[in-house]
Amino acid sequence: MDPYANEWLSFLARWLHVMAGIVWIGTSFYFVALDNHLRENVSWEIHGGGFYRIEKFVPAPPRLPDVLHWFKWEAYTTWLSGFALLVFLYYFNATTYLVLPGGPLGTGWSITVSVVLLGVAWLVYDGLCRVLRNELALTGVLLGLTTLAAWGATELFAPRAAYVQVGAMLGTVMVANVFFVIIPAHRGLIRAKEAYRDPDPAPALEAKRRSVHNNYLTLPVVFAMLSNHFPAAYTHSYSWLVLVALMAIGAWIRHFFNLRHAGRNVWWIPLTAALGIAAVAVAIRPTGGSGGTAVASGSVSFAQAEAIVQQRCVPCHSAHPTRVAAAPLGIELDTAAQIHAQAEAIKRVAVDSQLMPLGNATGMTQAERDELGAWIRAGARIK
C-alpha cells in the first residue's frame, strides 16, 4: 500500500478509535454507576440545571416505549477502528512492529497467530463464563490466563506489539460480550414483549454480568492501547509481569469506584493501588544500563559514538533517510550538533530501553548501546 495512503487511513482509524472508545468507556462507567445508585430500582440525579428521575424495569416495562435508545455502536466502532489500526500499523509493517527479532515466528505466522488469538480469547472466556458461576473463581482463572497470554505474547511478538496484542484480545472479549450476549438479550426482551409473553430473565441477568465484566476490563485495555508511550514498561526484561500488574491495578481501581457508587467507601483500595503503581514505577525505573558489559564514562570518544549513530540511527533519522520516507518526528542526526542536542533522547530510547531502532532494524548491539550510554553520561561532548 502507498505509504501516504496508509498514513491517512491510520490517522482516520486512530481518530475513530479514540472517539468511539471515549464514548464506550463513558457509557460503561455511567451505566454501572447508575445501576449501583438505584434504590428500589429508582435513582434521582441532578445535572445540567435539572433533576432526573431514572427508573429501571426488570426484566421489562409493562409496555415498550415508542423510542428506545440502544448502546452498541460505540463498542462496534471501537473494535472495528482498533482492528483497522492493528492492520495498518502492525500487520502492514509486521517486520518493523510485530515480528520479534530472532523470535520463533516469521511475518506471515506472526500475523496469523495474532488474528487467531483474538478469537481464541473470546472462546476461552465465553466457555469459562458458562462453566464458572462463582465470580471470584472466574476472576482468578481469568487472571491466570491473562498472565499466560502476556508471557506468551512477549515470547512471540515484538515488545510493543506484545502489549497491544494482549489489549486487543481483551478488547475483543469486551465487544464480543456486547455482540453475542448483551444485545441478543435485549432483543429477546423486546421480542417477548411484542409477543405479549413474559420475558425470560436469565439472558438479561447474564447480559448484566458481562456488562460488569466489561466495566472492569476498561482501564486494563486502555493502558494496553496506550502502552506505546511507555517503553520503560514494555522493554523491561519482565515486561509481561509489568503488564499484568498494571492491568490488575486498573481493575482494582474500577472496583473502588463501583463500590463507592453502591455506597461503600473502601479507602484502602486506592491506597494499595497507589502503592502498587509506585512499586511498579520503582521496579522499571531506568538504571543507566541494560544489563550489558559496563563501560566507564569518559572512555568513549565522540568519534566512536558518532560512528554508532551514523550506522544504526541515521538510516531513519536523517535529512535524506534510506529506510523511511521522512525522519520520524522530524528528528535528524546528520551532524555533530544534532547528535549532541538529542543526546538525552538517544539515552532514553536506545540505552535505558531498547525502543530504538524500531524492531532493531539496523542491528544495534548491546555493546554499542553501552558505549553510547558511557559517552552521554560523560557529558555528550563533541569536541
Protein backbone atom coordinates (compact mmCIF):
# COMPACT_ATOMS: atom_id res chain seq x y z
CA MET A 1 0.00 0.00 0.00
CA ASP A 2 1.13 3.58 -0.72
CA PRO A 3 2.78 4.90 2.48
CA TYR A 4 0.85 8.17 2.38
CA ALA A 5 -2.48 6.36 1.95
CA ASN A 6 -1.51 4.09 4.83
CA GLU A 7 -0.71 7.14 6.95
CA TRP A 8 -4.07 8.80 6.26
CA LEU A 9 -6.01 5.59 6.87
CA SER A 10 -4.12 5.11 10.12
CA PHE A 11 -4.94 8.67 11.17
CA LEU A 12 -8.64 8.13 10.41
CA ALA A 13 -8.66 4.84 12.32
CA ARG A 14 -6.90 6.48 15.29
CA TRP A 15 -9.45 9.30 15.38
CA LEU A 16 -12.42 6.94 15.20
CA HIS A 17 -10.85 4.62 17.77
CA VAL A 18 -10.25 7.38 20.29
CA MET A 19 -13.68 8.99 19.85
CA ALA A 20 -15.60 5.72 19.94
CA GLY A 21 -13.52 4.42 22.84
CA ILE A 22 -14.19 7.52 24.92
CA VAL A 23 -17.94 7.20 24.35
CA TRP A 24 -17.97 3.43 25.01
CA ILE A 25 -15.95 3.69 28.22
CA GLY A 26 -18.04 6.64 29.34
CA THR A 27 -21.31 4.74 28.89
CA SER A 28 -19.85 1.69 30.65
CA PHE A 29 -18.81 3.78 33.64
CA TYR A 30 -22.14 5.61 33.72
CA PHE A 31 -24.46 2.62 33.46
CA VAL A 32 -22.62 0.57 36.08
CA ALA A 33 -22.62 3.62 38.37
CA LEU A 34 -26.31 4.19 37.65
CA ASP A 35 -27.14 0.58 38.41
CA ASN A 36 -25.30 0.84 41.72
CA HIS A 37 -27.12 4.10 42.53
CA LEU A 38 -30.55 2.51 42.20
CA ARG A 39 -32.67 2.27 45.32
CA GLU A 40 -35.75 0.12 44.75
CA ASN A 41 -34.97 0.41 41.02
CA VAL A 42 -35.14 4.23 41.10
CA SER A 43 -32.35 6.79 41.03
CA TRP A 44 -32.66 10.56 41.40
CA GLU A 45 -29.83 12.57 39.80
CA ILE A 46 -29.06 16.21 39.17
CA HIS A 47 -27.12 17.53 36.19
CA GLY A 48 -27.14 20.46 33.82
CA GLY A 49 -29.58 22.54 35.85
CA GLY A 50 -32.24 19.87 36.16
CA PHE A 51 -33.36 16.81 38.14
CA TYR A 52 -33.59 13.36 36.55
CA ARG A 53 -35.71 10.52 37.86
CA ILE A 54 -34.43 7.29 36.35
CA GLU A 55 -36.38 4.08 36.79
CA LYS A 56 -35.24 0.55 35.95
CA PHE A 57 -37.65 -2.20 34.92
CA VAL A 58 -36.59 -5.82 35.47
CA PRO A 59 -36.90 -7.69 33.25
CA ALA A 60 -39.03 -5.29 31.14
CA PRO A 61 -41.59 -2.45 31.46
CA PRO A 62 -45.35 -3.15 31.19
CA ARG A 63 -45.28 -1.74 27.66
CA LEU A 64 -42.48 -0.87 25.27
CA PRO A 65 -41.73 2.83 24.80
CA ASP A 66 -42.12 4.43 21.38
CA VAL A 67 -38.45 5.47 21.34
CA LEU A 68 -35.80 3.13 22.71
CA HIS A 69 -32.12 4.11 22.71
CA TRP A 70 -29.53 1.39 22.12
CA PHE A 71 -25.88 1.43 23.15
CA LYS A 72 -23.95 -0.83 20.83
CA TRP A 73 -22.26 1.10 18.03
CA GLU A 74 -19.84 2.68 20.47
CA ALA A 75 -18.47 -0.82 21.11
CA TYR A 76 -18.56 -1.94 17.49
CA THR A 77 -16.86 1.22 16.20
CA THR A 78 -14.16 0.99 18.86
CA TRP A 79 -13.30 -2.58 17.88
CA LEU A 80 -13.51 -2.03 14.11
CA SER A 81 -11.29 1.06 14.23
CA GLY A 82 -8.91 -0.68 16.65
CA PHE A 83 -8.61 -3.71 14.38
CA ALA A 84 -8.01 -1.35 11.44
CA LEU A 85 -5.13 0.20 13.38
CA LEU A 86 -3.77 -3.27 14.10
CA VAL A 87 -3.84 -3.97 10.36
CA PHE A 88 -2.42 -0.65 9.16
CA LEU A 89 0.29 -0.23 11.80
CA TYR A 90 1.27 -3.77 12.79
CA TYR A 91 0.27 -6.14 10.01
CA PHE A 92 1.27 -3.92 7.07
CA ASN A 93 4.55 -3.15 8.88
CA ALA A 94 4.95 -6.53 10.53
CA THR A 95 8.71 -6.75 10.04
CA THR A 96 9.20 -3.49 11.93
CA TYR A 97 6.48 -3.56 14.58
CA LEU A 98 5.10 -7.08 15.01
CA VAL A 99 7.82 -9.67 14.43
CA LEU A 100 10.11 -10.42 17.36
CA PRO A 101 13.73 -10.21 16.14
CA GLY A 102 15.18 -13.70 16.47
CA GLY A 103 11.78 -14.98 17.60
CA PRO A 104 10.04 -18.21 16.54
CA LEU A 105 7.59 -16.64 14.08
CA GLY A 106 8.13 -15.07 10.68
CA THR A 107 5.97 -12.31 9.22
CA GLY A 108 3.14 -14.49 7.94
CA TRP A 109 2.89 -16.63 11.04
CA SER A 110 3.07 -13.60 13.34
CA ILE A 111 0.04 -12.05 11.64
CA THR A 112 -1.85 -15.35 11.57
CA VAL A 113 -1.22 -16.12 15.23
CA SER A 114 -2.15 -12.56 16.22
CA VAL A 115 -5.54 -12.79 14.48
CA VAL A 116 -6.28 -16.31 15.73
CA LEU A 117 -5.54 -15.32 19.34
CA LEU A 118 -8.25 -12.66 19.18
CA GLY A 119 -10.86 -15.34 18.51
CA VAL A 120 -9.32 -17.80 20.97
CA ALA A 121 -9.52 -15.20 23.76
CA TRP A 122 -13.28 -14.84 23.29
CA LEU A 123 -13.94 -18.57 23.01
CA VAL A 124 -11.99 -19.37 26.18
CA TYR A 125 -13.55 -16.53 28.15
CA ASP A 126 -17.09 -17.33 27.00
CA GLY A 127 -16.63 -21.00 27.82
CA LEU A 128 -15.39 -20.17 31.31
CA CYS A 129 -18.33 -17.84 31.91
CA ARG A 130 -20.70 -20.67 31.07
CA VAL A 131 -18.93 -23.14 33.38
CA LEU A 132 -17.88 -20.96 36.34
CA ARG A 133 -20.71 -19.11 38.04
CA ASN A 134 -18.65 -18.02 41.05
CA GLU A 135 -17.24 -14.60 40.18
CA LEU A 136 -14.21 -14.89 42.48
CA ALA A 137 -13.21 -18.22 40.94
CA LEU A 138 -13.76 -16.84 37.44
CA THR A 139 -11.62 -13.79 38.25
CA GLY A 140 -8.77 -16.00 39.47
CA VAL A 141 -8.81 -18.21 36.39
CA LEU A 142 -9.01 -15.23 34.02
CA LEU A 143 -6.13 -13.50 35.80
CA GLY A 144 -4.04 -16.65 35.39
CA LEU A 145 -4.90 -16.93 31.71
CA THR A 146 -4.21 -13.24 31.13
CA THR A 147 -0.81 -13.71 32.74
CA LEU A 148 -0.15 -16.67 30.45
CA ALA A 149 -1.27 -14.63 27.43
CA ALA A 150 1.01 -11.73 28.43
CA TRP A 151 4.01 -14.04 28.84
CA GLY A 152 3.25 -15.84 25.58
CA ALA A 153 2.84 -12.57 23.67
CA THR A 154 6.28 -11.37 24.80
CA GLU A 155 7.77 -14.66 23.57
CA LEU A 156 6.06 -14.43 20.15
CA PHE A 157 5.85 -10.74 19.26
CA ALA A 158 7.99 -7.61 19.36
CA PRO A 159 7.84 -5.89 22.79
CA ARG A 160 5.50 -3.04 21.87
CA ALA A 161 3.28 -5.38 19.85
CA ALA A 162 3.00 -7.81 22.77
CA TYR A 163 1.20 -5.26 24.94
CA VAL A 164 -1.10 -4.24 22.10
CA GLN A 165 -1.85 -7.90 21.36
CA VAL A 166 -2.99 -8.61 24.91
CA GLY A 167 -5.06 -5.43 24.92
CA ALA A 168 -6.64 -6.38 21.59
CA MET A 169 -7.53 -9.82 22.96
CA LEU A 170 -9.28 -8.30 25.98
CA GLY A 171 -10.92 -5.67 23.79
CA THR A 172 -12.23 -8.44 21.54
CA VAL A 173 -13.70 -10.16 24.58
CA MET A 174 -15.45 -6.93 25.53
CA VAL A 175 -17.02 -6.24 22.14
CA ALA A 176 -17.96 -9.91 21.70
CA ASN A 177 -19.80 -9.65 25.03
CA VAL A 178 -21.83 -6.84 23.51
CA PHE A 179 -22.42 -8.55 20.17
CA PHE A 180 -23.06 -12.13 21.28
CA VAL A 181 -24.57 -11.74 24.77
CA ILE A 182 -25.76 -8.26 25.73
CA ILE A 183 -27.52 -7.13 22.54
CA PRO A 184 -29.18 -10.55 21.89
CA ALA A 185 -30.51 -10.45 25.47
CA HIS A 186 -32.01 -7.03 24.79
CA ARG A 187 -33.57 -8.25 21.57
CA GLY A 188 -35.04 -11.22 23.43
CA LEU A 189 -36.75 -8.90 25.92
CA ILE A 190 -38.24 -6.87 23.09
CA ARG A 191 -39.47 -9.92 21.17
CA ALA A 192 -41.13 -11.27 24.31
CA LYS A 193 -42.98 -8.01 24.94
CA GLU A 194 -44.04 -7.78 21.30
CA ALA A 195 -45.44 -11.34 21.57
CA TYR A 196 -47.29 -10.44 24.81
CA ARG A 197 -45.45 -13.05 26.89
CA ASP A 198 -43.30 -12.78 30.00
CA PRO A 199 -39.60 -12.33 29.15
CA ASP A 200 -37.08 -14.89 30.38
CA PRO A 201 -34.94 -13.01 32.92
CA ALA A 202 -31.92 -15.35 32.61
CA PRO A 203 -30.40 -13.82 29.42
CA ALA A 204 -30.83 -10.32 30.85
CA LEU A 205 -29.06 -11.31 34.06
CA GLU A 206 -26.19 -12.78 32.04
CA ALA A 207 -26.08 -9.60 29.96
CA LYS A 208 -25.66 -7.54 33.13
CA ARG A 209 -22.94 -9.91 34.32
CA ARG A 210 -20.98 -9.50 31.08
CA SER A 211 -21.53 -5.73 31.20
CA VAL A 212 -19.93 -5.64 34.65
CA HIS A 213 -17.02 -7.71 33.33
CA ASN A 214 -16.56 -5.16 30.54
CA ASN A 215 -16.54 -2.38 33.12
CA TYR A 216 -13.63 -3.98 34.98
CA LEU A 217 -11.71 -4.52 31.74
CA THR A 218 -11.88 -0.90 30.57
CA LEU A 219 -8.83 0.52 32.37
CA PRO A 220 -6.62 -2.53 31.66
CA VAL A 221 -7.45 -2.28 27.95
CA VAL A 222 -6.92 1.50 27.89
CA PHE A 223 -3.43 1.04 29.35
CA ALA A 224 -2.57 -1.66 26.80
CA MET A 225 -3.75 0.52 23.93
CA LEU A 226 -1.69 3.49 25.18
CA SER A 227 1.34 1.40 26.14
CA ASN A 228 3.41 2.53 23.15
CA HIS A 229 4.03 5.70 25.17
CA PHE A 230 5.66 3.71 28.00
CA PRO A 231 8.77 1.98 26.61
CA ALA A 232 10.15 1.57 30.13
CA ALA A 233 7.30 -0.89 30.71
CA TYR A 234 7.24 -2.94 27.53
CA THR A 235 11.01 -3.13 27.07
CA HIS A 236 11.60 -4.36 30.63
CA SER A 237 13.01 -7.87 30.95
CA TYR A 238 9.83 -8.85 32.81
CA SER A 239 7.51 -6.80 30.65
CA TRP A 240 4.76 -9.42 30.79
CA LEU A 241 4.67 -9.21 34.58
CA VAL A 242 4.63 -5.41 34.44
CA LEU A 243 1.67 -5.54 32.07
CA VAL A 244 -0.30 -7.91 34.28
CA ALA A 245 0.47 -5.84 37.39
CA LEU A 246 -0.71 -2.60 35.80
CA MET A 247 -3.82 -4.26 34.37
CA ALA A 248 -4.69 -5.72 37.77
CA ILE A 249 -4.23 -2.30 39.38
CA GLY A 250 -6.55 -0.77 36.78
CA ALA A 251 -9.28 -3.31 37.53
CA TRP A 252 -8.70 -2.77 41.28
CA ILE A 253 -9.27 0.97 40.84
CA ARG A 254 -12.53 0.28 39.00
CA HIS A 255 -13.59 -1.93 41.91
CA PHE A 256 -13.18 1.02 44.28
CA PHE A 257 -15.45 3.23 42.19
CA ASN A 258 -18.04 0.50 41.71
CA LEU A 259 -18.20 0.01 45.47
CA ARG A 260 -18.34 3.77 46.01
CA HIS A 261 -21.32 4.08 43.66
CA ALA A 262 -23.04 1.39 45.73
CA GLY A 263 -22.49 3.47 48.88
CA ARG A 264 -19.27 1.88 50.21
CA ASN A 265 -16.04 3.88 50.52
CA VAL A 266 -13.21 1.37 50.85
CA TRP A 267 -10.29 3.80 51.01
CA TRP A 268 -7.60 1.16 51.40
CA ILE A 269 -8.26 0.15 47.77
CA PRO A 270 -6.96 3.41 46.20
CA LEU A 271 -4.17 3.42 48.79
CA THR A 272 -2.98 -0.05 47.81
CA ALA A 273 -3.44 0.83 44.12
CA ALA A 274 -1.20 3.90 44.53
CA LEU A 275 1.39 1.82 46.36
CA GLY A 276 1.21 -0.78 43.59
CA ILE A 277 1.79 1.82 40.88
CA ALA A 278 4.71 3.25 42.87
CA ALA A 279 6.20 -0.22 43.27
CA VAL A 280 5.96 -0.87 39.52
CA ALA A 281 7.49 2.54 38.75
CA VAL A 282 10.45 1.80 41.02
CA ALA A 283 10.86 -1.68 39.55
CA ILE A 284 11.03 -0.47 35.94
CA ARG A 285 12.98 2.75 36.51
CA PRO A 286 15.99 3.20 34.21
CA THR A 287 19.22 2.19 35.93
CA GLY A 288 21.64 3.67 33.44
CA GLY A 289 22.27 0.42 31.61
CA SER A 290 20.56 -2.53 30.01
CA GLY A 291 22.46 -5.37 31.52
CA GLY A 292 25.38 -5.40 29.15
CA THR A 293 29.12 -5.01 29.85
CA ALA A 294 29.86 -1.86 31.87
CA VAL A 295 31.72 0.87 30.00
CA ALA A 296 33.45 3.57 32.01
CA SER A 297 32.23 7.13 31.49
CA GLY A 298 34.76 9.15 29.53
CA SER A 299 36.26 6.11 27.83
CA VAL A 300 34.19 6.56 24.67
CA SER A 301 35.08 9.36 22.26
CA PHE A 302 32.61 11.32 20.17
CA ALA A 303 34.07 9.72 17.06
CA GLN A 304 33.06 6.28 18.39
CA ALA A 305 29.59 7.48 19.38
CA GLU A 306 29.08 9.23 16.06
CA ALA A 307 30.03 6.10 14.14
CA ILE A 308 27.36 4.13 16.02
CA VAL A 309 24.73 6.82 15.39
CA GLN A 310 25.62 7.03 11.70
CA GLN A 311 25.35 3.27 11.26
CA ARG A 312 22.35 2.50 13.48
CA CYS A 313 20.27 5.70 13.67
CA VAL A 314 20.89 7.86 10.60
CA PRO A 315 19.31 5.39 8.13
CA CYS A 316 15.98 6.72 9.52
CA HIS A 317 16.88 9.94 11.34
CA SER A 318 18.36 11.96 8.53
CA ALA A 319 17.50 14.73 6.12
CA HIS A 320 17.82 12.04 3.46
CA PRO A 321 16.88 8.74 5.18
CA THR A 322 17.39 5.45 3.36
CA ARG A 323 14.94 3.25 5.31
CA VAL A 324 11.88 5.53 5.62
CA ALA A 325 10.26 8.32 3.62
CA ALA A 326 10.98 11.01 6.22
CA ALA A 327 12.75 11.25 9.58
CA PRO A 328 10.35 10.14 12.36
CA LEU A 329 9.16 13.12 14.44
CA GLY A 330 11.48 15.29 12.31
CA ILE A 331 14.50 14.18 14.37
CA GLU A 332 17.70 14.30 12.28
CA LEU A 333 21.13 13.12 13.43
CA ASP A 334 23.33 14.00 10.47
CA THR A 335 25.62 16.48 12.24
CA ALA A 336 27.57 16.57 15.49
CA ALA A 337 25.38 19.42 16.78
CA GLN A 338 22.21 17.45 16.07
CA ILE A 339 23.55 14.38 17.83
CA HIS A 340 24.57 16.45 20.87
CA ALA A 341 21.14 18.13 21.02
CA GLN A 342 19.39 14.74 21.00
CA ALA A 343 21.77 13.00 23.41
CA GLU A 344 19.24 12.64 26.24
CA ALA A 345 16.59 11.35 23.84
CA ILE A 346 19.09 8.82 22.46
CA LYS A 347 19.84 7.69 26.01
CA ARG A 348 16.14 7.30 26.79
CA VAL A 349 15.18 5.24 23.73
CA ALA A 350 18.38 3.37 22.87
CA VAL A 351 20.28 2.99 26.15
CA ASP A 352 17.79 3.00 29.05
CA SER A 353 15.43 0.95 26.85
CA GLN A 354 15.72 -0.82 23.53
CA LEU A 355 12.84 1.07 21.93
CA MET A 356 15.09 2.26 19.12
CA PRO A 357 15.96 1.34 16.47
CA LEU A 358 12.40 0.11 15.85
CA GLY A 359 12.48 -3.65 15.73
CA ASN A 360 16.26 -3.19 15.93
CA ALA A 361 16.10 -2.96 12.15
CA THR A 362 19.70 -1.73 11.89
CA GLY A 363 21.08 -4.32 14.31
CA MET A 364 22.36 -2.18 17.18
CA THR A 365 24.29 -4.39 19.58
CA GLN A 366 24.27 -4.27 23.37
CA ALA A 367 27.92 -3.20 23.35
CA GLU A 368 27.03 -0.24 21.13
CA ARG A 369 24.20 0.77 23.47
CA ASP A 370 26.60 0.64 26.42
CA GLU A 371 29.14 2.78 24.55
CA LEU A 372 26.52 5.39 23.69
CA GLY A 373 25.44 5.44 27.33
CA ALA A 374 29.02 5.94 28.53
CA TRP A 375 29.54 8.84 26.08
CA ILE A 376 26.28 10.53 27.15
CA ARG A 377 26.94 10.06 30.89
CA ALA A 378 30.34 11.71 30.42
CA GLY A 379 28.61 14.85 29.10
CA ALA A 380 27.99 14.01 25.43
CA ARG A 381 30.94 16.16 24.43
CA ILE A 382 31.52 16.60 20.70
CA LYS A 383 34.92 18.29 20.96
